[in-house]
C-alpha cells in the first residue's frame, strides 16, 4: 500500500487493474501514430520530396530537405525557387512546416511521382490581381507569407487527398474540385 497526498492509505492496485494498465500501455506502444505525430517525433528520419511546378515545368526529384533533425538550407532554397511566384519571378522562403505537410501527404500515399504544385508563394501584387479576378482568392492569403501550397498528387483522387490533409490537422485545407487541386496551409486549423 502507498499513501496518497492527503496522507491516507490508498487502496492497493488489484492484479486485474495492473493487467489493464499493462494492456493499455502495450496497445499504445504498438498502435500506429497519426501522421502528424510520426513526423514531429522522428527527428532523425530523412525527409525528401519530388515536386513538379505545373506552370513552369520545373521538377525537383527526391531533394532531401531534412536530415539528422536539421532542415537543409540548400535544399530549402531549391524548394523555395520551385514554389516561387512565377508571375512576378519572386522568391520567398516557404514555411518549413508547409514543406513538411507535402512530405506527410507524399508519404501517406507512398507517392513515387512528383507532387504537382499549382501555387506556392504569391507576391502581394500577384495575389491582389488574382483576388480581383476570382472570388476564390483570399485578399490576405497565406500564400503571401509562404505558408500555403495548392497541389494535387497524380493518381490520387482529390477527395482522398483532401481527407488525408484534414486528418493531419495541421492548418487550413481548401477543396477546389472544379480547379482540380487541394489547398493546404499552416494557418489555424479550418476547412472550406
N, C-alpha and C. Protein backbone atom coordinates (compact mmCIF):
# COMPACT_ATOMS: atom_id res chain seq x y z
N UNK A 1 0.83 -1.17 0.00
CA UNK A 1 0.00 0.00 0.00
C UNK A 1 0.88 1.24 0.00
N UNK A 2 0.29 2.35 -0.50
CA UNK A 2 1.03 3.60 -0.53
C UNK A 2 0.13 4.73 -0.04
N UNK A 3 0.74 5.84 0.34
CA UNK A 3 -0.03 6.97 0.85
C UNK A 3 -0.34 7.94 -0.28
N UNK A 4 -1.58 8.46 -0.31
CA UNK A 4 -1.90 9.48 -1.29
C UNK A 4 -1.56 10.84 -0.70
N UNK A 5 -1.87 11.93 -1.40
CA UNK A 5 -1.46 13.26 -0.97
C UNK A 5 -2.13 13.71 0.33
N UNK A 6 -3.24 13.12 0.73
CA UNK A 6 -3.91 13.52 1.98
C UNK A 6 -3.40 12.71 3.16
N UNK A 7 -2.35 11.94 2.94
CA UNK A 7 -1.72 11.14 3.98
C UNK A 7 -2.57 9.95 4.42
N UNK A 8 -3.58 9.61 3.65
CA UNK A 8 -4.38 8.42 3.94
C UNK A 8 -3.82 7.27 3.12
N UNK A 9 -4.02 6.10 3.57
CA UNK A 9 -3.59 4.94 2.81
C UNK A 9 -4.53 4.72 1.64
N UNK A 10 -3.96 4.61 0.45
CA UNK A 10 -4.77 4.35 -0.74
C UNK A 10 -4.96 2.85 -0.87
N UNK A 11 -6.08 2.43 -1.45
CA UNK A 11 -6.29 1.00 -1.62
C UNK A 11 -5.26 0.42 -2.57
N UNK A 12 -4.89 -0.81 -2.36
CA UNK A 12 -3.89 -1.42 -3.24
C UNK A 12 -4.46 -1.59 -4.65
N UNK A 13 -3.57 -1.59 -5.62
CA UNK A 13 -3.96 -1.83 -7.01
C UNK A 13 -4.15 -3.33 -7.18
N UNK A 14 -5.31 -3.70 -7.71
CA UNK A 14 -5.57 -5.13 -7.89
C UNK A 14 -4.77 -5.66 -9.07
N UNK A 15 -4.65 -6.95 -9.12
CA UNK A 15 -3.95 -7.60 -10.23
C UNK A 15 -4.67 -7.29 -11.54
N UNK A 16 -5.99 -7.29 -11.53
CA UNK A 16 -6.78 -7.00 -12.72
C UNK A 16 -6.50 -5.57 -13.22
N UNK A 17 -6.47 -4.60 -12.30
CA UNK A 17 -6.18 -3.22 -12.67
C UNK A 17 -4.77 -3.09 -13.25
N UNK A 18 -3.84 -3.79 -12.65
CA UNK A 18 -2.47 -3.76 -13.13
C UNK A 18 -2.37 -4.35 -14.54
N UNK A 19 -3.09 -5.43 -14.78
CA UNK A 19 -3.10 -6.04 -16.12
C UNK A 19 -3.73 -5.09 -17.15
N UNK A 20 -4.80 -4.40 -16.76
CA UNK A 20 -5.44 -3.43 -17.66
C UNK A 20 -4.46 -2.32 -18.03
N UNK A 21 -3.76 -1.81 -17.04
CA UNK A 21 -2.79 -0.74 -17.29
C UNK A 21 -1.70 -1.24 -18.24
N UNK A 22 -1.21 -2.45 -18.01
CA UNK A 22 -0.19 -3.03 -18.87
C UNK A 22 -0.69 -3.22 -20.29
N UNK A 23 -1.93 -3.69 -20.44
CA UNK A 23 -2.51 -3.91 -21.76
C UNK A 23 -2.67 -2.59 -22.50
N UNK A 24 -3.19 -1.58 -21.82
CA UNK A 24 -3.35 -0.27 -22.45
C UNK A 24 -2.01 0.32 -22.87
N UNK A 25 -1.01 0.16 -22.03
CA UNK A 25 0.32 0.68 -22.36
C UNK A 25 0.90 -0.03 -23.57
N UNK A 26 0.72 -1.35 -23.64
CA UNK A 26 1.27 -2.09 -24.78
C UNK A 26 0.53 -1.75 -26.07
N UNK A 27 -0.79 -1.55 -26.02
CA UNK A 27 -1.55 -1.17 -27.21
C UNK A 27 -1.10 0.20 -27.68
N UNK A 28 -0.88 1.11 -26.75
CA UNK A 28 -0.43 2.45 -27.11
C UNK A 28 0.94 2.39 -27.80
N UNK A 29 1.77 1.47 -27.38
CA UNK A 29 3.11 1.36 -27.97
C UNK A 29 3.09 0.77 -29.37
N UNK A 30 2.16 -0.13 -29.66
CA UNK A 30 2.18 -0.77 -30.98
C UNK A 30 1.21 -0.16 -31.97
N UNK A 31 0.27 0.66 -31.50
CA UNK A 31 -0.67 1.24 -32.44
C UNK A 31 0.05 2.32 -33.24
N UNK A 32 -0.31 2.46 -34.53
CA UNK A 32 0.39 3.45 -35.34
C UNK A 32 0.05 4.86 -34.88
N UNK A 33 1.06 5.71 -34.94
CA UNK A 33 0.85 7.11 -34.59
C UNK A 33 0.14 7.81 -35.74
N UNK A 34 -0.65 8.83 -35.44
CA UNK A 34 -1.18 9.63 -36.54
C UNK A 34 -0.02 10.27 -37.28
N UNK A 35 -0.25 10.62 -38.54
CA UNK A 35 0.83 11.15 -39.37
C UNK A 35 1.51 12.36 -38.76
N UNK A 36 0.74 13.29 -38.18
CA UNK A 36 1.36 14.49 -37.65
C UNK A 36 2.32 14.16 -36.51
N UNK A 37 1.98 13.16 -35.70
CA UNK A 37 2.85 12.79 -34.58
C UNK A 37 4.10 12.07 -35.08
N UNK A 38 3.93 11.22 -36.09
CA UNK A 38 5.05 10.47 -36.62
C UNK A 38 6.13 11.42 -37.12
N UNK A 39 5.75 12.49 -37.81
CA UNK A 39 6.73 13.40 -38.37
C UNK A 39 7.32 14.32 -37.32
N UNK A 40 6.54 14.67 -36.31
CA UNK A 40 7.09 15.57 -35.31
C UNK A 40 8.02 14.83 -34.35
N UNK A 41 7.89 13.51 -34.26
CA UNK A 41 8.70 12.74 -33.34
C UNK A 41 9.92 12.10 -34.00
N UNK A 42 9.98 12.12 -35.30
CA UNK A 42 11.04 11.38 -35.99
C UNK A 42 12.18 12.31 -36.37
N UNK A 43 12.93 12.77 -35.38
CA UNK A 43 13.99 13.74 -35.59
C UNK A 43 15.11 13.29 -36.51
N UNK A 44 15.37 12.00 -36.63
CA UNK A 44 16.48 11.54 -37.45
C UNK A 44 16.05 11.01 -38.80
N UNK A 45 14.77 11.00 -39.07
CA UNK A 45 14.28 10.48 -40.34
C UNK A 45 14.71 11.41 -41.48
N UNK A 46 15.14 10.84 -42.59
CA UNK A 46 15.45 11.62 -43.78
C UNK A 46 14.14 11.98 -44.46
N UNK A 47 13.97 13.23 -44.79
CA UNK A 47 12.76 13.67 -45.50
C UNK A 47 13.17 14.23 -46.85
N UNK A 48 12.55 13.70 -47.89
CA UNK A 48 12.83 14.20 -49.24
C UNK A 48 11.52 14.34 -50.00
N UNK A 49 11.55 15.19 -51.00
CA UNK A 49 10.36 15.46 -51.81
C UNK A 49 10.70 15.42 -53.29
N UNK A 50 9.68 15.06 -54.06
CA UNK A 50 9.74 15.23 -55.50
C UNK A 50 8.58 16.15 -55.86
N UNK A 51 8.90 17.25 -56.57
CA UNK A 51 7.90 18.27 -56.87
C UNK A 51 7.94 18.63 -58.35
N UNK A 52 6.77 19.00 -58.88
CA UNK A 52 6.65 19.45 -60.27
C UNK A 52 5.79 20.71 -60.27
N UNK A 53 6.32 21.81 -60.80
CA UNK A 53 5.56 23.05 -60.91
C UNK A 53 4.79 23.02 -62.22
N UNK A 54 3.47 23.02 -62.13
CA UNK A 54 2.62 22.88 -63.33
C UNK A 54 2.69 24.10 -64.24
N UNK A 55 3.11 25.24 -63.73
CA UNK A 55 3.17 26.46 -64.55
C UNK A 55 4.51 26.63 -65.25
N UNK A 56 5.59 26.22 -64.60
CA UNK A 56 6.92 26.45 -65.18
C UNK A 56 7.52 25.19 -65.80
N UNK A 57 6.98 24.02 -65.44
CA UNK A 57 7.52 22.76 -65.93
C UNK A 57 8.76 22.30 -65.18
N UNK A 58 9.16 23.03 -64.14
CA UNK A 58 10.35 22.65 -63.36
C UNK A 58 10.03 21.47 -62.45
N UNK A 59 11.05 20.63 -62.27
CA UNK A 59 10.90 19.44 -61.42
C UNK A 59 12.08 19.33 -60.46
N UNK A 60 11.79 18.94 -59.25
CA UNK A 60 12.82 18.54 -58.28
C UNK A 60 12.56 17.07 -57.98
N UNK A 61 13.59 16.25 -58.03
CA UNK A 61 13.42 14.83 -57.77
C UNK A 61 14.16 14.43 -56.51
N UNK A 62 13.41 13.93 -55.55
CA UNK A 62 13.94 13.39 -54.30
C UNK A 62 14.98 14.32 -53.66
N UNK A 63 14.62 15.56 -53.53
CA UNK A 63 15.51 16.50 -52.86
C UNK A 63 15.34 16.32 -51.35
N UNK A 64 16.44 15.94 -50.69
CA UNK A 64 16.42 15.72 -49.24
C UNK A 64 16.53 17.08 -48.57
N UNK A 65 15.50 17.44 -47.79
CA UNK A 65 15.48 18.76 -47.16
C UNK A 65 15.59 18.69 -45.64
N UNK A 66 15.61 17.49 -45.07
CA UNK A 66 15.68 17.31 -43.61
C UNK A 66 16.51 16.07 -43.34
N UNK A 67 17.51 16.21 -42.48
CA UNK A 67 18.33 15.06 -42.14
C UNK A 67 18.94 15.26 -40.76
N UNK A 68 18.96 14.20 -39.97
CA UNK A 68 19.54 14.24 -38.63
C UNK A 68 18.96 15.38 -37.79
N UNK A 69 17.64 15.60 -37.94
CA UNK A 69 16.97 16.60 -37.13
C UNK A 69 17.17 18.04 -37.56
N UNK A 70 17.69 18.25 -38.77
CA UNK A 70 18.01 19.60 -39.23
C UNK A 70 17.45 19.82 -40.64
N UNK A 71 16.85 21.00 -40.85
CA UNK A 71 16.46 21.40 -42.20
C UNK A 71 17.72 21.76 -42.98
N UNK A 72 17.82 21.28 -44.20
CA UNK A 72 19.00 21.53 -45.05
C UNK A 72 18.75 22.77 -45.90
N UNK A 73 19.49 23.83 -45.63
CA UNK A 73 19.23 25.14 -46.23
C UNK A 73 19.35 25.15 -47.76
N UNK A 74 20.32 24.42 -48.32
CA UNK A 74 20.45 24.40 -49.78
C UNK A 74 19.22 23.78 -50.43
N UNK A 75 18.72 22.71 -49.82
CA UNK A 75 17.52 22.05 -50.36
C UNK A 75 16.30 22.94 -50.19
N UNK A 76 16.18 23.61 -49.04
CA UNK A 76 15.05 24.53 -48.85
C UNK A 76 15.09 25.65 -49.89
N UNK A 77 16.28 26.12 -50.22
CA UNK A 77 16.42 27.16 -51.25
C UNK A 77 15.93 26.67 -52.60
N UNK A 78 16.26 25.42 -52.94
CA UNK A 78 15.77 24.84 -54.20
C UNK A 78 14.25 24.75 -54.21
N UNK A 79 13.68 24.33 -53.09
CA UNK A 79 12.22 24.22 -52.98
C UNK A 79 11.59 25.61 -53.07
N UNK A 80 12.19 26.60 -52.42
CA UNK A 80 11.69 27.98 -52.49
C UNK A 80 11.62 28.48 -53.92
N UNK A 81 12.65 28.18 -54.71
CA UNK A 81 12.67 28.61 -56.11
C UNK A 81 11.56 27.93 -56.89
N UNK A 82 11.37 26.64 -56.70
CA UNK A 82 10.31 25.93 -57.43
C UNK A 82 8.93 26.45 -57.03
N UNK A 83 8.76 26.83 -55.76
CA UNK A 83 7.47 27.30 -55.27
C UNK A 83 7.32 28.83 -55.37
N UNK A 84 8.19 29.48 -56.11
CA UNK A 84 8.16 30.94 -56.22
C UNK A 84 6.90 31.42 -56.95
N UNK A 85 6.68 32.71 -56.86
CA UNK A 85 5.63 33.37 -57.65
C UNK A 85 6.17 33.47 -59.07
N UNK A 86 5.75 32.57 -59.94
CA UNK A 86 6.29 32.55 -61.31
C UNK A 86 5.82 33.75 -62.13
N UNK A 87 4.69 34.36 -61.73
CA UNK A 87 4.19 35.51 -62.48
C UNK A 87 5.11 36.73 -62.28
N UNK A 88 5.59 36.91 -61.05
CA UNK A 88 6.47 38.04 -60.73
C UNK A 88 7.93 37.61 -60.63
N UNK A 89 8.19 36.33 -60.81
CA UNK A 89 9.52 35.74 -60.64
C UNK A 89 10.11 36.18 -59.29
N UNK A 90 9.30 36.02 -58.25
CA UNK A 90 9.68 36.45 -56.91
C UNK A 90 9.76 35.25 -55.98
N UNK A 91 10.87 35.14 -55.26
CA UNK A 91 11.10 34.02 -54.36
C UNK A 91 10.97 34.50 -52.92
N UNK A 92 10.33 33.70 -52.10
CA UNK A 92 10.22 33.97 -50.66
C UNK A 92 10.39 32.63 -49.95
N UNK A 93 11.02 32.62 -48.79
CA UNK A 93 11.14 31.35 -48.05
C UNK A 93 9.76 30.76 -47.74
N UNK A 94 9.63 29.48 -48.03
CA UNK A 94 8.41 28.75 -47.71
C UNK A 94 8.54 28.21 -46.29
N UNK A 95 7.47 28.32 -45.54
CA UNK A 95 7.44 27.81 -44.17
C UNK A 95 7.83 26.32 -44.19
N UNK A 96 8.88 25.93 -43.46
CA UNK A 96 9.28 24.52 -43.44
C UNK A 96 8.14 23.58 -43.00
N UNK A 97 7.22 24.08 -42.18
CA UNK A 97 6.09 23.23 -41.77
C UNK A 97 5.15 22.97 -42.94
N UNK A 98 5.05 23.90 -43.88
CA UNK A 98 4.26 23.67 -45.10
C UNK A 98 4.94 22.61 -45.96
N UNK A 99 6.26 22.66 -46.00
CA UNK A 99 7.02 21.65 -46.75
C UNK A 99 6.82 20.28 -46.08
N UNK A 100 6.80 20.27 -44.75
CA UNK A 100 6.53 19.02 -44.02
C UNK A 100 5.14 18.47 -44.34
N UNK A 101 4.17 19.36 -44.56
CA UNK A 101 2.83 18.90 -44.96
C UNK A 101 2.90 18.14 -46.29
N UNK A 102 3.67 18.68 -47.23
CA UNK A 102 3.84 17.99 -48.51
C UNK A 102 4.46 16.61 -48.30
N UNK A 103 5.49 16.57 -47.44
CA UNK A 103 6.14 15.30 -47.15
C UNK A 103 5.16 14.30 -46.55
N UNK A 104 4.36 14.77 -45.59
CA UNK A 104 3.39 13.88 -44.93
C UNK A 104 2.38 13.33 -45.93
N UNK A 105 1.93 14.17 -46.86
CA UNK A 105 0.97 13.70 -47.87
C UNK A 105 1.63 12.75 -48.86
N UNK A 106 2.85 13.08 -49.28
CA UNK A 106 3.60 12.19 -50.18
C UNK A 106 3.79 10.82 -49.53
N UNK A 107 4.14 10.83 -48.25
CA UNK A 107 4.37 9.59 -47.52
C UNK A 107 3.07 8.81 -47.32
N UNK A 108 2.00 9.52 -47.03
CA UNK A 108 0.68 8.88 -46.80
C UNK A 108 0.28 8.04 -48.01
N UNK A 109 0.51 8.56 -49.19
CA UNK A 109 0.10 7.86 -50.41
C UNK A 109 1.25 7.08 -51.05
N UNK A 110 2.39 7.00 -50.37
CA UNK A 110 3.56 6.31 -50.88
C UNK A 110 3.82 6.73 -52.32
N UNK A 111 3.79 8.02 -52.52
CA UNK A 111 3.89 8.61 -53.85
C UNK A 111 5.33 8.58 -54.36
N UNK A 112 5.53 7.96 -55.49
CA UNK A 112 6.85 7.91 -56.11
C UNK A 112 7.02 8.99 -57.18
N UNK A 113 5.89 9.54 -57.65
CA UNK A 113 5.95 10.58 -58.67
C UNK A 113 5.93 11.96 -58.02
N UNK A 114 6.36 12.98 -58.73
CA UNK A 114 6.37 14.32 -58.13
C UNK A 114 4.97 14.83 -57.79
N UNK A 115 4.87 15.52 -56.66
CA UNK A 115 3.65 16.22 -56.29
C UNK A 115 3.52 17.40 -57.25
N UNK A 116 2.33 17.59 -57.79
CA UNK A 116 2.10 18.69 -58.72
C UNK A 116 1.74 19.95 -57.93
N UNK A 117 2.55 20.98 -58.12
CA UNK A 117 2.35 22.25 -57.43
C UNK A 117 1.65 23.22 -58.37
N UNK A 118 0.50 23.71 -57.93
CA UNK A 118 -0.25 24.69 -58.70
C UNK A 118 0.14 26.10 -58.26
N UNK A 119 0.31 26.28 -56.94
CA UNK A 119 0.68 27.59 -56.42
C UNK A 119 1.40 27.42 -55.09
N UNK A 120 2.45 28.17 -54.91
CA UNK A 120 3.16 28.23 -53.64
C UNK A 120 3.13 29.68 -53.17
N UNK A 121 4.30 30.31 -53.15
CA UNK A 121 4.36 31.72 -52.75
C UNK A 121 3.68 32.58 -53.81
N UNK A 122 2.97 33.63 -53.34
CA UNK A 122 2.43 34.66 -54.22
C UNK A 122 2.81 36.02 -53.66
N UNK A 123 3.34 36.88 -54.50
CA UNK A 123 3.64 38.24 -54.07
C UNK A 123 2.32 38.96 -53.80
N UNK A 124 2.35 39.99 -52.97
CA UNK A 124 1.12 40.75 -52.72
C UNK A 124 0.49 41.29 -54.01
N UNK A 125 1.32 41.71 -54.97
CA UNK A 125 0.80 42.23 -56.24
C UNK A 125 0.07 41.14 -57.02
N UNK A 126 0.69 39.97 -57.11
CA UNK A 126 0.06 38.85 -57.82
C UNK A 126 -1.23 38.44 -57.13
N UNK A 127 -1.19 38.35 -55.81
CA UNK A 127 -2.38 37.94 -55.07
C UNK A 127 -3.51 38.95 -55.26
N UNK A 128 -3.17 40.23 -55.26
CA UNK A 128 -4.17 41.28 -55.45
C UNK A 128 -4.84 41.15 -56.82
N UNK A 129 -4.03 40.95 -57.85
CA UNK A 129 -4.58 40.77 -59.21
C UNK A 129 -5.49 39.54 -59.25
N UNK A 130 -5.04 38.44 -58.64
CA UNK A 130 -5.83 37.21 -58.66
C UNK A 130 -7.13 37.37 -57.88
N UNK A 131 -7.09 38.08 -56.76
CA UNK A 131 -8.31 38.23 -55.95
C UNK A 131 -9.33 39.13 -56.64
N UNK A 132 -8.86 40.07 -57.48
CA UNK A 132 -9.80 40.90 -58.26
C UNK A 132 -10.51 40.07 -59.32
N UNK A 133 -9.84 39.03 -59.82
CA UNK A 133 -10.40 38.22 -60.90
C UNK A 133 -11.13 36.97 -60.44
N UNK A 134 -11.01 36.63 -59.16
CA UNK A 134 -11.63 35.39 -58.67
C UNK A 134 -12.06 35.55 -57.21
N UNK A 135 -13.26 35.11 -56.92
CA UNK A 135 -13.75 35.16 -55.53
C UNK A 135 -13.09 34.09 -54.67
N UNK A 136 -12.41 33.13 -55.29
CA UNK A 136 -11.77 32.04 -54.56
C UNK A 136 -10.39 32.38 -54.03
N UNK A 137 -9.92 33.61 -54.25
CA UNK A 137 -8.59 34.01 -53.80
C UNK A 137 -8.74 34.98 -52.63
N UNK A 138 -8.21 34.60 -51.48
CA UNK A 138 -8.31 35.44 -50.28
C UNK A 138 -7.42 36.67 -50.42
N UNK A 139 -7.92 37.82 -49.99
CA UNK A 139 -7.14 39.06 -50.07
C UNK A 139 -5.93 39.03 -49.16
N UNK A 140 -6.02 38.31 -48.04
CA UNK A 140 -4.88 38.18 -47.11
C UNK A 140 -4.41 36.73 -47.08
N UNK A 141 -4.20 36.17 -48.24
CA UNK A 141 -3.86 34.76 -48.40
C UNK A 141 -2.56 34.37 -47.70
N UNK A 142 -2.55 33.17 -47.15
CA UNK A 142 -1.32 32.62 -46.57
C UNK A 142 -0.25 32.38 -47.64
N UNK A 143 -0.65 32.36 -48.90
CA UNK A 143 0.33 32.23 -49.98
C UNK A 143 1.33 33.38 -49.93
N UNK A 144 0.88 34.57 -49.54
CA UNK A 144 1.77 35.75 -49.50
C UNK A 144 2.81 35.64 -48.38
N UNK A 145 2.58 34.77 -47.43
CA UNK A 145 3.53 34.57 -46.32
C UNK A 145 4.41 33.33 -46.54
N UNK A 146 4.19 32.63 -47.65
CA UNK A 146 4.94 31.40 -47.89
C UNK A 146 4.45 30.27 -47.00
N UNK A 147 3.18 30.34 -46.59
CA UNK A 147 2.63 29.33 -45.68
C UNK A 147 1.50 28.52 -46.32
N UNK A 148 1.33 28.61 -47.64
CA UNK A 148 0.25 27.88 -48.31
C UNK A 148 0.73 27.30 -49.62
N UNK A 149 0.16 26.15 -49.96
CA UNK A 149 0.51 25.46 -51.20
C UNK A 149 -0.75 24.83 -51.78
N UNK A 150 -0.97 25.05 -53.07
CA UNK A 150 -2.05 24.39 -53.80
C UNK A 150 -1.42 23.23 -54.57
N UNK A 151 -2.01 22.05 -54.46
CA UNK A 151 -1.37 20.87 -55.03
C UNK A 151 -2.36 19.80 -55.46
N UNK A 152 -1.84 18.85 -56.16
CA UNK A 152 -2.52 17.58 -56.43
C UNK A 152 -1.44 16.51 -56.54
N UNK A 153 -1.85 15.28 -56.35
CA UNK A 153 -0.92 14.15 -56.45
C UNK A 153 -1.44 13.23 -57.54
N UNK A 154 -0.63 12.98 -58.57
CA UNK A 154 -1.09 12.10 -59.64
C UNK A 154 -1.59 10.76 -59.11
N UNK A 155 -2.68 10.30 -59.68
CA UNK A 155 -3.30 9.01 -59.36
C UNK A 155 -3.92 8.97 -57.96
N UNK A 156 -4.06 10.10 -57.30
CA UNK A 156 -4.74 10.16 -56.01
C UNK A 156 -5.98 11.01 -56.21
N UNK A 157 -7.16 10.43 -56.03
CA UNK A 157 -8.39 11.22 -56.17
C UNK A 157 -8.36 12.42 -55.23
N UNK A 158 -8.85 13.54 -55.74
CA UNK A 158 -8.83 14.78 -54.97
C UNK A 158 -9.54 14.65 -53.62
N UNK A 159 -10.63 13.90 -53.58
CA UNK A 159 -11.34 13.70 -52.31
C UNK A 159 -10.46 12.99 -51.28
N UNK A 160 -9.69 12.00 -51.74
CA UNK A 160 -8.79 11.29 -50.82
C UNK A 160 -7.66 12.19 -50.34
N UNK A 161 -7.17 13.03 -51.23
CA UNK A 161 -6.11 13.97 -50.87
C UNK A 161 -6.63 14.95 -49.82
N UNK A 162 -7.83 15.47 -50.05
CA UNK A 162 -8.44 16.39 -49.08
C UNK A 162 -8.62 15.72 -47.73
N UNK A 163 -9.13 14.49 -47.73
CA UNK A 163 -9.36 13.75 -46.49
C UNK A 163 -8.04 13.56 -45.73
N UNK A 164 -7.00 13.19 -46.45
CA UNK A 164 -5.69 12.98 -45.81
C UNK A 164 -5.16 14.28 -45.21
N UNK A 165 -5.32 15.39 -45.94
CA UNK A 165 -4.86 16.68 -45.43
C UNK A 165 -5.64 17.08 -44.18
N UNK A 166 -6.94 16.82 -44.18
CA UNK A 166 -7.76 17.13 -43.00
C UNK A 166 -7.33 16.28 -41.81
N UNK A 167 -7.02 15.00 -42.05
CA UNK A 167 -6.61 14.11 -40.96
C UNK A 167 -5.31 14.56 -40.31
N UNK A 168 -4.46 15.24 -41.06
CA UNK A 168 -3.21 15.74 -40.48
C UNK A 168 -3.49 16.80 -39.42
N UNK A 169 -4.57 17.56 -39.60
CA UNK A 169 -4.97 18.55 -38.61
C UNK A 169 -3.91 19.60 -38.32
N UNK A 170 -3.22 20.05 -39.36
CA UNK A 170 -2.09 20.96 -39.15
C UNK A 170 -2.27 22.33 -39.81
N UNK A 171 -3.48 22.71 -40.14
CA UNK A 171 -3.70 24.02 -40.75
C UNK A 171 -4.95 24.01 -41.59
N UNK A 172 -5.03 24.96 -42.51
CA UNK A 172 -6.20 25.08 -43.37
C UNK A 172 -6.15 24.10 -44.53
N UNK A 173 -7.34 23.63 -44.92
CA UNK A 173 -7.47 22.74 -46.07
C UNK A 173 -8.64 23.24 -46.91
N UNK A 174 -8.35 23.59 -48.15
CA UNK A 174 -9.37 24.03 -49.09
C UNK A 174 -9.53 23.00 -50.19
N UNK A 175 -10.76 22.80 -50.62
CA UNK A 175 -11.07 21.78 -51.62
C UNK A 175 -11.61 22.49 -52.86
N UNK A 176 -10.92 22.34 -54.00
CA UNK A 176 -11.29 23.01 -55.24
C UNK A 176 -11.42 21.99 -56.37
N UNK A 177 -12.49 21.19 -56.35
CA UNK A 177 -12.62 20.15 -57.36
C UNK A 177 -12.75 20.69 -58.79
N UNK A 178 -13.37 21.84 -58.99
CA UNK A 178 -13.51 22.40 -60.35
C UNK A 178 -12.16 22.82 -60.92
N UNK A 179 -11.28 23.26 -60.04
CA UNK A 179 -9.94 23.67 -60.47
C UNK A 179 -8.92 22.54 -60.31
N UNK A 180 -9.35 21.41 -59.75
CA UNK A 180 -8.54 20.21 -59.62
C UNK A 180 -7.31 20.38 -58.73
N UNK A 181 -7.52 20.94 -57.52
CA UNK A 181 -6.43 20.98 -56.56
C UNK A 181 -6.97 21.08 -55.14
N UNK A 182 -6.07 20.81 -54.20
CA UNK A 182 -6.34 20.97 -52.76
C UNK A 182 -5.36 22.02 -52.25
N UNK A 183 -5.86 22.89 -51.41
CA UNK A 183 -5.04 23.92 -50.77
C UNK A 183 -4.69 23.45 -49.36
N UNK A 184 -3.42 23.58 -48.97
CA UNK A 184 -3.02 23.33 -47.58
C UNK A 184 -2.23 24.54 -47.11
N UNK A 185 -2.38 24.86 -45.83
CA UNK A 185 -1.58 25.95 -45.27
C UNK A 185 -1.30 25.66 -43.80
N UNK A 186 -0.39 26.45 -43.24
CA UNK A 186 0.00 26.26 -41.84
C UNK A 186 -0.63 27.31 -40.93
N UNK A 187 -1.74 27.88 -41.36
CA UNK A 187 -2.50 28.78 -40.51
C UNK A 187 -3.33 27.97 -39.52
N UNK A 188 -4.35 28.60 -38.92
CA UNK A 188 -5.23 27.89 -37.99
C UNK A 188 -5.92 26.72 -38.68
N UNK A 189 -6.27 25.70 -37.91
CA UNK A 189 -6.98 24.54 -38.46
C UNK A 189 -8.38 24.99 -38.86
N UNK A 190 -8.71 24.80 -40.14
CA UNK A 190 -10.02 25.14 -40.68
C UNK A 190 -10.19 24.44 -42.00
N UNK A 191 -11.39 24.48 -42.54
CA UNK A 191 -11.65 23.82 -43.84
C UNK A 191 -12.69 24.59 -44.61
N UNK A 192 -12.63 24.45 -45.93
CA UNK A 192 -13.63 25.02 -46.82
C UNK A 192 -13.66 24.25 -48.10
